Amino acid sequence: MVITVGLLVAALIGIYLINIHCIFVDPEDHPYNRYR
């Protein structure tokens, strides 16, 4: 159980950091905007 929670938190943090990185680097070329 602890391992599952740890992986989930790590995935959420990774996605959050990637989104922040994309927003600061190039807002117009954000992956979510491109695929939506």
C-alpha atoms as a PDB file:
ATOM      1  CA  MET A   1       0.000   0.000   0.000  1.00  0.00           C
ATOM      2  CA  VAL A   2       2.755   2.413   0.896  1.00  0.00           C
ATOM      3  CA  ILE A   3       4.537   1.708  -2.385  1.00  0.00           C
ATOM      4  CA  THR A   4       1.361   2.345  -4.392  1.00  0.00           C
ATOM      5  CA  VAL A   5       0.747   5.680  -2.661  1.00  0.00           C
ATOM      6  CA  GLY A   6       4.384   6.657  -3.170  1.00  0.00           C
ATOM      7  CA  LEU A   7       4.212   5.924  -6.894  1.00  0.00           C
ATOM      8  CA  LEU A   8       0.959   7.860  -7.230  1.00  0.00           C
ATOM      9  CA  VAL A   9       2.398  10.900  -5.458  1.00  0.00           C
ATOM     10  CA  ALA A  10       5.587  10.696  -7.543  1.00  0.00           C
ATOM     11  CA  ALA A  11       3.533  10.550 -10.765  1.00  0.00           C
ATOM     12  CA  LEU A  12       1.416  13.546  -9.736  1.00  0.00           C
ATOM     13  CA  ILE A  13       4.507  15.574  -8.816  1.00  0.00           C
ATOM     14  CA  GLY A  14       6.163  14.619 -12.106  1.00  0.00           C
ATOM     15  CA  ILE A  15       3.121  15.678 -14.143  1.00  0.00           C
ATOM     16  CA  TYR A  16       2.868  18.937 -12.151  1.00  0.00           C
ATOM     17  CA  LEU A  17       6.528  19.775 -12.733  1.00  0.00           C
ATOM     18  CA  ILE A  18       6.275  18.940 -16.447  1.00  0.00           C
ATOM     19  CA  ASN A  19       3.208  21.196 -16.795  1.00  0.00           C
ATOM     20  CA  ILE A  20       4.953  24.076 -14.993  1.00  0.00           C
ATOM     21  CA  HIS A  21       8.029  23.585 -17.200  1.00  0.00           C
ATOM     22  CA  CYS A  22       5.932  23.660 -20.396  1.00  0.00           C
ATOM     23  CA  ILE A  23       3.953  26.704 -19.256  1.00  0.00           C
ATOM     24  CA  PHE A  24       7.102  28.693 -18.480  1.00  0.00           C
ATOM     25  CA  VAL A  25       9.036  27.576 -21.558  1.00  0.00           C
ATOM     26  CA  ASP A  26       6.340  28.039 -24.223  1.00  0.00           C
ATOM     27  CA  PRO A  27       2.669  28.539 -23.239  1.00  0.00           C
ATOM     28  CA  GLU A  28       1.511  28.398 -26.867  1.00  0.00           C
ATOM     29  CA  ASP A  29       3.084  24.959 -27.391  1.00  0.00           C
ATOM     30  CA  HIS A  30       1.672  23.350 -24.271  1.00  0.00           C
ATOM     31  CA  PRO A  31       1.075  19.597 -24.874  1.00  0.00           C
ATOM     32  CA  TYR A  32      -2.462  19.625 -23.416  1.00  0.00           C
ATOM     33  CA  ASN A  33      -3.479  22.551 -25.609  1.00  0.00           C
ATOM     34  CA  ARG A  34      -1.988  20.821 -28.650  1.00  0.00           C
ATOM     35  CA  TYR A  35      -3.792  17.506 -28.123  1.00  0.00           C
ATOM     36  CA  ARG A  36      -7.145  18.965 -27.101  1.00  0.00           C
END
